[in-house]
C-alpha atoms as a PDB file:
ATOM      1  CA  MET A   1      72.302 152.782 109.811  1.00  0.00           C
ATOM      2  CA  LYS A   2      73.541 151.448 113.001  1.00  0.00           C
ATOM      3  CA  LYS A   3      71.449 148.203 112.708  1.00  0.00           C
ATOM      4  CA  SER A   4      72.708 147.680 109.120  1.00  0.00           C
ATOM      5  CA  LEU A   5      76.354 148.336 110.219  1.00  0.00           C
ATOM      6  CA  PHE A   6      75.817 145.715 112.883  1.00  0.00           C
ATOM      7  CA  THR A   7      74.368 143.295 110.610  1.00  0.00           C
ATOM      8  CA  ILE A   8      77.328 143.616 108.246  1.00  0.00           C
ATOM      9  CA  CYS A   9      79.847 143.277 111.331  1.00  0.00           C
ATOM     10  CA  ALA A  10      77.825 140.031 112.404  1.00  0.00           C
ATOM     11  CA  ILE A  11      78.100 138.403 108.773  1.00  0.00           C
ATOM     12  CA  ALA A  12      81.757 139.127 108.653  1.00  0.00           C
ATOM     13  CA  VAL A  13      82.594 137.673 111.894  1.00  0.00           C
ATOM     14  CA  ALA A  14      80.409 134.648 110.928  1.00  0.00           C
ATOM     15  CA  ALA A  15      82.275 134.197 107.889  1.00  0.00           C
ATOM     16  CA  PHE A  16      85.476 134.583 109.261  1.00  0.00           C
ATOM     17  CA  THR A  17      84.674 131.935 112.223  1.00  0.00           C
ATOM     18  CA  LEU A  18      83.199 129.461 109.523  1.00  0.00           C
ATOM     19  CA  GLN A  19      86.531 129.765 107.631  1.00  0.00           C
ATOM     20  CA  SER A  20      88.694 129.574 110.575  1.00  0.00           C
ATOM     21  CA  CYS A  21      86.650 126.017 111.595  1.00  0.00           C
ATOM     22  CA  LYS A  22      87.089 124.905 107.864  1.00  0.00           C
ATOM     23  CA  SER A  23      90.791 125.552 107.901  1.00  0.00           C
ATOM     24  CA  SER A  24      91.172 123.903 111.320  1.00  0.00           C
ATOM     25  CA  GLN A  25      89.075 120.844 110.262  1.00  0.00           C
ATOM     26  CA  SER A  26      91.329 120.781 107.111  1.00  0.00           C
ATOM     27  CA  MET A  27      94.671 120.674 109.242  1.00  0.00           C
ATOM     28  CA  THR A  28      92.901 118.189 111.559  1.00  0.00           C
ATOM     29  CA  ASN A  29      92.356 115.803 108.609  1.00  0.00           C
ATOM     30  CA  SER A  30      95.732 116.240 107.226  1.00  0.00           C
ATOM     31  CA  ALA A  31      97.053 115.039 110.502  1.00  0.00           C
ATOM     32  CA  THR A  32      94.842 112.314 110.907  1.00  0.00           C
ATOM     33  CA  ASN A  33      96.094 110.923 107.385  1.00  0.00           C
ATOM     34  CA  LEU A  34      99.624 111.079 108.593  1.00  0.00           C
ATOM     35  CA  ASP A  35      99.191 109.685 112.143  1.00  0.00           C
ATOM     36  CA  GLY A  36     100.952 106.416 112.657  1.00  0.00           C
ATOM     37  CA  GLU A  37     104.023 104.424 111.280  1.00  0.00           C
ATOM     38  CA  TRP A  38     104.935 104.089 107.565  1.00  0.00           C
ATOM     39  CA  ASN A  39     107.458 101.661 105.682  1.00  0.00           C
ATOM     40  CA  ILE A  40     109.393 103.590 103.085  1.00  0.00           C
ATOM     41  CA  ILE A  41     108.711 101.156 100.511  1.00  0.00           C
ATOM     42  CA  GLU A  42     109.934 103.196  97.400  1.00  0.00           C
ATOM     43  CA  ILE A  43     112.506 106.074  96.699  1.00  0.00           C
ATOM     44  CA  ASP A  44     112.765 107.966  93.331  1.00  0.00           C
ATOM     45  CA  GLY A  45     111.078 105.195  91.628  1.00  0.00           C
ATOM     46  CA  SER A  46     112.918 102.299  92.957  1.00  0.00           C
ATOM     47  CA  SER A  47     111.857  99.685  95.246  1.00  0.00           C
ATOM     48  CA  ILE A  48     113.646  99.734  98.728  1.00  0.00           C
ATOM     49  CA  VAL A  49     115.744  96.579  99.582  1.00  0.00           C
ATOM     50  CA  PRO A  50     117.605  96.832 102.968  1.00  0.00           C
ATOM     51  CA  GLY A  51     120.877  95.496 103.444  1.00  0.00           C
ATOM     52  CA  ASP A  52     121.271  92.004 104.724  1.00  0.00           C
ATOM     53  CA  ARG A  53     120.383  91.800 108.415  1.00  0.00           C
ATOM     54  CA  GLN A  54     119.334  95.347 108.490  1.00  0.00           C
ATOM     55  CA  PRO A  55     116.066  96.957 109.319  1.00  0.00           C
ATOM     56  CA  PHE A  56     113.412  98.013 106.909  1.00  0.00           C
ATOM     57  CA  PRO A  57     113.298 101.963 107.059  1.00  0.00           C
ATOM     58  CA  PHE A  58     110.246 103.449 108.255  1.00  0.00           C
ATOM     59  CA  ILE A  59     108.882 106.706 109.421  1.00  0.00           C
ATOM     60  CA  GLY A  60     106.458 107.363 112.155  1.00  0.00           C
ATOM     61  CA  PHE A  61     104.383 110.817 112.756  1.00  0.00           C
ATOM     62  CA  ASN A  62     103.136 111.961 116.076  1.00  0.00           C
ATOM     63  CA  THR A  63     100.453 114.502 115.180  1.00  0.00           C
ATOM     64  CA  GLU A  64      99.822 115.361 118.642  1.00  0.00           C
ATOM     65  CA  VAL A  65     103.252 117.251 118.915  1.00  0.00           C
ATOM     66  CA  ASN A  66     104.335 117.346 115.177  1.00  0.00           C
ATOM     67  CA  GLN A  67     107.282 115.321 115.459  1.00  0.00           C
ATOM     68  CA  PHE A  68     108.385 112.303 113.268  1.00  0.00           C
ATOM     69  CA  TYR A  69     110.667 109.267 114.176  1.00  0.00           C
ATOM     70  CA  GLY A  70     111.755 105.978 112.676  1.00  0.00           C
ATOM     71  CA  ASN A  71     114.591 104.027 111.224  1.00  0.00           C
ATOM     72  CA  ALA A  72     116.349 105.254 108.099  1.00  0.00           C
ATOM     73  CA  GLY A  73     117.780 101.775 107.374  1.00  0.00           C
ATOM     74  CA  CYS A  74     120.531 101.781 110.190  1.00  0.00           C
ATOM     75  CA  ASN A  75     120.294 104.530 112.415  1.00  0.00           C
ATOM     76  CA  ARG A  76     117.189 105.569 114.422  1.00  0.00           C
ATOM     77  CA  MET A  77     116.183 109.128 113.406  1.00  0.00           C
ATOM     78  CA  ASN A  78     113.633 111.632 114.946  1.00  0.00           C
ATOM     79  CA  GLY A  79     112.843 115.362 114.170  1.00  0.00           C
ATOM     80  CA  SER A  80     109.795 117.778 114.041  1.00  0.00           C
ATOM     81  CA  TYR A  81     107.600 118.837 110.883  1.00  0.00           C
ATOM     82  CA  THR A  82     104.996 121.337 110.126  1.00  0.00           C
ATOM     83  CA  LEU A  83     101.961 121.138 108.050  1.00  0.00           C
ATOM     84  CA  GLY A  84     100.584 123.862 105.585  1.00  0.00           C
ATOM     85  CA  LYS A  85      97.581 124.232 103.414  1.00  0.00           C
ATOM     86  CA  SER A  86      96.732 121.800 100.629  1.00  0.00           C
ATOM     87  CA  GLY A  87      98.957 118.714 101.748  1.00  0.00           C
ATOM     88  CA  LYS A  88     102.089 121.141 102.342  1.00  0.00           C
ATOM     89  CA  ILE A  89     104.862 119.749 104.758  1.00  0.00           C
ATOM     90  CA  ASN A  90     108.057 120.812 106.029  1.00  0.00           C
ATOM     91  CA  LEU A  91     110.339 118.087 107.770  1.00  0.00           C
ATOM     92  CA  GLY A  92     112.954 119.642 109.812  1.00  0.00           C
ATOM     93  CA  LYS A  93     116.251 118.142 109.698  1.00  0.00           C
ATOM     94  CA  ALA A  94     116.415 114.642 110.810  1.00  0.00           C
ATOM     95  CA  ALA A  95     118.861 113.782 113.782  1.00  0.00           C
ATOM     96  CA  ALA A  96     119.975 110.109 113.649  1.00  0.00           C
ATOM     97  CA  THR A  97     122.332 107.788 115.666  1.00  0.00           C
ATOM     98  CA  LEU A  98     125.712 107.212 114.747  1.00  0.00           C
ATOM     99  CA  MET A  99     125.992 103.533 114.078  1.00  0.00           C
ATOM    100  CA  MET A 100     127.812 102.288 110.863  1.00  0.00           C
ATOM    101  CA  CYS A 101     126.242  99.121 109.255  1.00  0.00           C
ATOM    102  CA  PRO A 102     127.695  97.125 106.316  1.00  0.00           C
ATOM    103  CA  ASN A 103     125.369  98.734 103.885  1.00  0.00           C
ATOM    104  CA  MET A 104     124.668 102.360 104.160  1.00  0.00           C
ATOM    105  CA  ASP A 105     123.072 103.093 100.708  1.00  0.00           C
ATOM    106  CA  VAL A 106     119.527 102.860 101.745  1.00  0.00           C
ATOM    107  CA  GLU A 107     120.058 104.975 104.801  1.00  0.00           C
ATOM    108  CA  SER A 108     121.643 107.815 102.440  1.00  0.00           C
ATOM    109  CA  LYS A 109     118.851 107.520 100.046  1.00  0.00           C
ATOM    110  CA  VAL A 110     116.224 107.880 103.151  1.00  0.00           C
ATOM    111  CA  LEU A 111     117.846 111.095 104.553  1.00  0.00           C
ATOM    112  CA  ASN A 112     118.399 112.675 101.137  1.00  0.00           C
ATOM    113  CA  MET A 113     114.854 111.953 100.208  1.00  0.00           C
ATOM    114  CA  LEU A 114     113.502 113.550 103.577  1.00  0.00           C
ATOM    115  CA  SER A 115     115.335 116.817 103.017  1.00  0.00           C
ATOM    116  CA  ARG A 116     113.432 117.241  99.761  1.00  0.00           C
ATOM    117  CA  VAL A 117     110.159 116.836 100.729  1.00  0.00           C
ATOM    118  CA  LYS A 118     107.612 119.574 100.286  1.00  0.00           C
ATOM    119  CA  SER A 119     104.102 118.011 100.401  1.00  0.00           C
ATOM    120  CA  TYR A 120     102.239 114.739 100.513  1.00  0.00           C
ATOM    121  CA  LYS A 121      99.141 113.105  99.295  1.00  0.00           C
ATOM    122  CA  SER A 122      96.950 110.123 100.665  1.00  0.00           C
ATOM    123  CA  ILE A 123      96.688 107.589  97.781  1.00  0.00           C
ATOM    124  CA  GLY A 124      94.622 104.703  99.241  1.00  0.00           C
ATOM    125  CA  THR A 125      96.305 102.958 101.845  1.00  0.00           C
ATOM    126  CA  GLN A 126      99.622 104.544 100.909  1.00  0.00           C
ATOM    127  CA  ILE A 127     101.055 108.016 101.332  1.00  0.00           C
ATOM    128  CA  ALA A 128     102.968 109.625  98.152  1.00  0.00           C
ATOM    129  CA  LEU A 129     105.705 112.279  99.215  1.00  0.00           C
ATOM    130  CA  TYR A 130     106.528 114.949  96.846  1.00  0.00           C
ATOM    131  CA  GLY A 131     109.539 117.460  96.166  1.00  0.00           C
ATOM    132  CA  ASN A 132     109.321 120.076  93.673  1.00  0.00           C
ATOM    133  CA  MET A 133     108.139 117.996  90.775  1.00  0.00           C
ATOM    134  CA  SER A 134     104.770 116.470  90.027  1.00  0.00           C
ATOM    135  CA  LYS A 135     106.169 112.887  90.268  1.00  0.00           C
ATOM    136  CA  PRO A 136     106.527 111.397  93.837  1.00  0.00           C
ATOM    137  CA  ILE A 137     109.905 110.909  95.489  1.00  0.00           C
ATOM    138  CA  ALA A 138     108.842 108.204  98.021  1.00  0.00           C
ATOM    139  CA  ILE A 139     105.933 106.094  98.566  1.00  0.00           C
ATOM    140  CA  LEU A 140     105.143 105.003 102.221  1.00  0.00           C
ATOM    141  CA  ASP A 141     103.011 101.962 103.033  1.00  0.00           C
ATOM    142  CA  ARG A 142     101.436 101.572 106.627  1.00  0.00           C
ATOM    143  CA  LYS A 143     103.859  99.572 108.707  1.00  0.00           C
ATOM    144  CA  ASP A 144     101.125  97.254 109.674  1.00  0.00           C
ATOM    145  CA  MET A 145     100.425  96.178 106.127  1.00  0.00           C
ATOM    146  CA  VAL A 146     103.625  94.233 105.562  1.00  0.00           C
ATOM    147  CA  SER A 147     105.662  95.799 103.034  1.00  0.00           C
ATOM    148  CA  GLU A 148     108.384  93.030 103.460  1.00  0.00           C
ATOM    149  CA  ALA A 149     107.250  91.509  99.866  1.00  0.00           C
ATOM    150  CA  VAL A 150     109.860  93.733  98.253  1.00  0.00           C
ATOM    151  CA  LEU A 151     112.320  91.683 100.063  1.00  0.00           C
ATOM    152  CA  LEU A 152     111.346  88.692  98.152  1.00  0.00           C
ATOM    153  CA  SER A 153     112.788  89.684  94.950  1.00  0.00           C
ATOM    154  CA  ALA A 154     115.672  87.349  94.878  1.00  0.00           C
ATOM    155  CA  LYS A 155     116.990  83.901  94.002  1.00  0.00           C
ATOM    156  CA  TRP A 156     115.667  81.327  96.284  1.00  0.00           C
ATOM    157  CA  GLN A 157     116.813  77.645  96.393  1.00  0.00           C
ATOM    158  CA  VAL A 158     114.791  74.792  97.843  1.00  0.00           C
ATOM    159  CA  SER A 159     115.772  73.289 101.289  1.00  0.00           C
ATOM    160  CA  ARG A 160     112.681  71.303 102.234  1.00  0.00           C
ATOM    161  CA  ILE A 161     109.735  69.782 100.369  1.00  0.00           C
ATOM    162  CA  ASN A 162     106.343  68.933 102.368  1.00  0.00           C
ATOM    163  CA  GLY A 163     108.450  69.352 105.510  1.00  0.00           C
ATOM    164  CA  GLU A 164     111.090  67.155 104.478  1.00  0.00           C
ATOM    165  CA  GLU A 165     114.640  68.226 103.860  1.00  0.00           C
ATOM    166  CA  LEU A 166     115.636  68.075 100.250  1.00  0.00           C
ATOM    167  CA  VAL A 167     118.636  65.932  99.585  1.00  0.00           C
ATOM    168  CA  MET A 168     119.823  65.097  96.148  1.00  0.00           C
ATOM    169  CA  LYS A 169     120.725  61.757  95.164  1.00  0.00           C
ATOM    170  CA  ASN A 170     122.564  63.032  91.768  1.00  0.00           C
ATOM    171  CA  GLU A 171     120.385  60.795  89.522  1.00  0.00           C
ATOM    172  CA  GLY A 172     119.679  63.045  86.552  1.00  0.00           C
ATOM    173  CA  ASN A 173     119.196  66.003  88.952  1.00  0.00           C
ATOM    174  CA  PRO A 174     122.450  68.113  88.748  1.00  0.00           C
ATOM    175  CA  THR A 175     121.219  71.177  90.815  1.00  0.00           C
ATOM    176  CA  LYS A 176     118.266  71.621  93.485  1.00  0.00           C
ATOM    177  CA  PRO A 177     115.019  73.330  92.313  1.00  0.00           C
ATOM    178  CA  PHE A 178     115.112  77.034  92.869  1.00  0.00           C
ATOM    179  CA  ILE A 179     113.018  80.088  91.829  1.00  0.00           C
ATOM    180  CA  GLU A 180     113.606  83.515  91.214  1.00  0.00           C
ATOM    181  CA  LEU A 181     110.815  86.096  92.184  1.00  0.00           C
ATOM    182  CA  ASP A 182     110.523  89.740  90.733  1.00  0.00           C
ATOM    183  CA  ILE A 183     107.659  91.365  92.836  1.00  0.00           C
ATOM    184  CA  GLN A 184     107.412  94.541  90.675  1.00  0.00           C
ATOM    185  CA  LYS A 185     107.031  92.340  87.414  1.00  0.00           C
ATOM    186  CA  LYS A 186     104.839  89.937  89.336  1.00  0.00           C
ATOM    187  CA  SER A 187     106.639  86.957  87.943  1.00  0.00           C
ATOM    188  CA  ILE A 188     108.213  83.808  88.839  1.00  0.00           C
ATOM    189  CA  THR A 189     111.236  81.850  87.107  1.00  0.00           C
ATOM    190  CA  GLY A 190     113.495  79.018  88.130  1.00  0.00           C
ATOM    191  CA  LEU A 191     114.396  75.371  87.535  1.00  0.00           C
ATOM    192  CA  ALA A 192     112.006  72.648  88.958  1.00  0.00           C
ATOM    193  CA  GLY A 193     115.010  69.960  89.022  1.00  0.00           C
ATOM    194  CA  CYS A 194     114.867  69.197  85.302  1.00  0.00           C
ATOM    195  CA  ASN A 195     112.759  71.761  83.394  1.00  0.00           C
ATOM    196  CA  ARG A 196     112.659  75.446  83.578  1.00  0.00           C
ATOM    197  CA  ILE A 197     109.671  77.226  84.849  1.00  0.00           C
ATOM    198  CA  THR A 198     108.105  80.650  84.526  1.00  0.00           C
ATOM    199  CA  GLY A 199     104.865  82.084  85.560  1.00  0.00           C
ATOM    200  CA  GLN A 200     102.762  85.028  87.267  1.00  0.00           C
ATOM    201  CA  ILE A 201     102.662  85.984  90.952  1.00  0.00           C
ATOM    202  CA  VAL A 202      99.025  86.289  92.034  1.00  0.00           C
ATOM    203  CA  SER A 203      97.987  87.978  95.304  1.00  0.00           C
ATOM    204  CA  ASN A 204      94.799  88.278  97.220  1.00  0.00           C
ATOM    205  CA  LYS A 205      94.564  91.657  98.943  1.00  0.00           C
ATOM    206  CA  GLU A 206      92.136  90.270 101.467  1.00  0.00           C
ATOM    207  CA  VAL A 207      94.672  87.405 102.793  1.00  0.00           C
ATOM    208  CA  ASN A 208      97.618  88.582 104.852  1.00  0.00           C
ATOM    209  CA  ARG A 209     100.912  87.552 102.930  1.00  0.00           C
ATOM    210  CA  SER A 210      99.040  86.144 100.101  1.00  0.00           C
ATOM    211  CA  MET A 211     100.989  84.733  97.027  1.00  0.00           C
ATOM    212  CA  SER A 212     100.258  81.790  94.487  1.00  0.00           C
ATOM    213  CA  PHE A 213     101.261  80.511  91.200  1.00  0.00           C
ATOM    214  CA  PRO A 214      98.126  79.373  89.440  1.00  0.00           C
ATOM    215  CA  ASN A 215      99.526  78.965  86.102  1.00  0.00           C
ATOM    216  CA  VAL A 216     103.246  78.164  86.140  1.00  0.00           C
ATOM    217  CA  ALA A 217     104.412  76.743  82.795  1.00  0.00           C
ATOM    218  CA  SER A 218     107.592  74.619  82.114  1.00  0.00           C
ATOM    219  CA  THR A 219     109.773  73.234  79.490  1.00  0.00           C
ATOM    220  CA  ARG A 220     109.022  69.434  78.613  1.00  0.00           C
ATOM    221  CA  MET A 221     112.522  67.662  78.704  1.00  0.00           C
ATOM    222  CA  ALA A 222     112.334  64.249  80.396  1.00  0.00           C
ATOM    223  CA  CYS A 223     115.379  63.601  82.843  1.00  0.00           C
ATOM    224  CA  PRO A 224     116.094  60.126  84.406  1.00  0.00           C
ATOM    225  CA  ASN A 225     114.690  61.029  87.711  1.00  0.00           C
ATOM    226  CA  MET A 226     111.581  63.289  87.889  1.00  0.00           C
ATOM    227  CA  GLU A 227     110.438  62.640  91.122  1.00  0.00           C
ATOM    228  CA  VAL A 228     111.774  65.745  92.817  1.00  0.00           C
ATOM    229  CA  GLU A 229     110.426  67.943  90.013  1.00  0.00           C
ATOM    230  CA  ASN A 230     106.954  66.443  90.518  1.00  0.00           C
ATOM    231  CA  GLN A 231     107.010  67.164  94.184  1.00  0.00           C
ATOM    232  CA  PHE A 232     108.296  70.501  93.820  1.00  0.00           C
ATOM    233  CA  LEU A 233     105.457  71.460  90.990  1.00  0.00           C
ATOM    234  CA  LYS A 234     102.689  69.605  93.030  1.00  0.00           C
ATOM    235  CA  ALA A 235     103.932  71.617  96.139  1.00  0.00           C
ATOM    236  CA  LEU A 236     104.334  75.094  94.245  1.00  0.00           C
ATOM    237  CA  ASN A 237     100.754  74.793  92.786  1.00  0.00           C
ATOM    238  CA  SER A 238      99.239  74.411  96.311  1.00  0.00           C
ATOM    239  CA  VAL A 239     100.846  77.632  97.747  1.00  0.00           C
ATOM    240  CA  GLU A 240      98.504  80.433  99.332  1.00  0.00           C
ATOM    241  CA  THR A 241     100.751  82.235 101.519  1.00  0.00           C
ATOM    242  CA  TYR A 242     104.300  82.872 102.470  1.00  0.00           C
ATOM    243  CA  LYS A 243     106.324  83.722 105.594  1.00  0.00           C
ATOM    244  CA  LEU A 244     109.661  85.506 105.596  1.00  0.00           C
ATOM    245  CA  SER A 245     112.095  84.755 108.539  1.00  0.00           C
ATOM    246  CA  PRO A 246     113.241  87.558 110.517  1.00  0.00           C
ATOM    247  CA  SER A 247     116.720  87.259 109.032  1.00  0.00           C
ATOM    248  CA  THR A 248     115.080  87.675 105.630  1.00  0.00           C
ATOM    249  CA  THR A 249     117.345  84.528 104.363  1.00  0.00           C
ATOM    250  CA  GLU A 250     114.707  81.845 104.615  1.00  0.00           C
ATOM    251  CA  LEU A 251     111.252  81.785 102.625  1.00  0.00           C
ATOM    252  CA  THR A 252     108.269  79.623 103.527  1.00  0.00           C
ATOM    253  CA  PHE A 253     105.596  78.860 101.488  1.00  0.00           C
ATOM    254  CA  LEU A 254     102.043  77.544 102.944  1.00  0.00           C
ATOM    255  CA  ASN A 255      99.000  75.758 101.628  1.00  0.00           C
ATOM    256  CA  PRO A 256      95.385  77.163 102.208  1.00  0.00           C
ATOM    257  CA  GLU A 257      95.533  75.225 105.738  1.00  0.00           C
ATOM    258  CA  GLY A 258      98.496  76.815 106.601  1.00  0.00           C
ATOM    259  CA  VAL A 259     100.623  73.948 106.305  1.00  0.00           C
ATOM    260  CA  GLU A 260     104.367  74.202 104.950  1.00  0.00           C
ATOM    261  CA  VAL A 261     104.834  72.899 101.681  1.00  0.00           C
ATOM    262  CA  LEU A 262     108.185  74.500 100.565  1.00  0.00           C
ATOM    263  CA  ARG A 263     110.812  76.139 102.067  1.00  0.00           C
ATOM    264  CA  PHE A 264     113.792  78.167 100.589  1.00  0.00           C
ATOM    265  CA  ILE A 265     117.220  79.594 101.456  1.00  0.00           C
ATOM    266  CA  LYS A 266     118.079  82.950  99.720  1.00  0.00           C
ATOM    267  CA  VAL A 267     121.040  82.746  97.335  1.00  0.00           C
ATOM    268  CA  ASN A 268     123.704  85.569  97.427  1.00  0.00           C
ATOM    269  CA  GLU A 269     124.838  86.082  94.046  1.00  0.00           C
END
């Protein structure tokens, strides 16, 4: 009888220990998934576009001390968090510096979103944050994985072609060529100098800052001077990657050899 009782107790202790180990391992895995810095690229289904000359909002998790930090779009922020089972997370109230920026809309959205977070889930290279509903309230992308692409959704006017400044001679070309990029729709539209253009944006996930336009279509008007248009379209067809200036107001397209073929200035409308 004593032996049977001892055996039952031993089994119970072993089961409890095993369950504790599993719970500990689950918590460790959760912490590992969060560790690092993440760009906040989407809130409530809309892409985040920072104010002009303002930082891209991000959040970082220090899993060793259960603290978070980052930038809400204008002010630095920090706070603490706790993890629960099945991806549950509770973010404490974020403390932030008190700077005033020209555009506080993004920061307001970020801080409001953080106050609603109840759980998270790893989805490939991203983290989805959830509130009380099944639809994510925010999408995070690893900060080292370049989320600046959302800043490209804008109108851009050509300033240089093949390294040379574009000077219009006003010979049948009323305006400089321009493009409009829509990253969410993966589309490009614009004016090549004479004809309207439209096409799709193609990117290669294995190439950093990849962007190309392999099948751009255009109208077929004939203008007195087609030289600029022909140069522009040829350069556009050779694009493989892009580079965005720190101020986010200048965009450069590069060919497969890394040589600049087109440079644009953002048009503020």
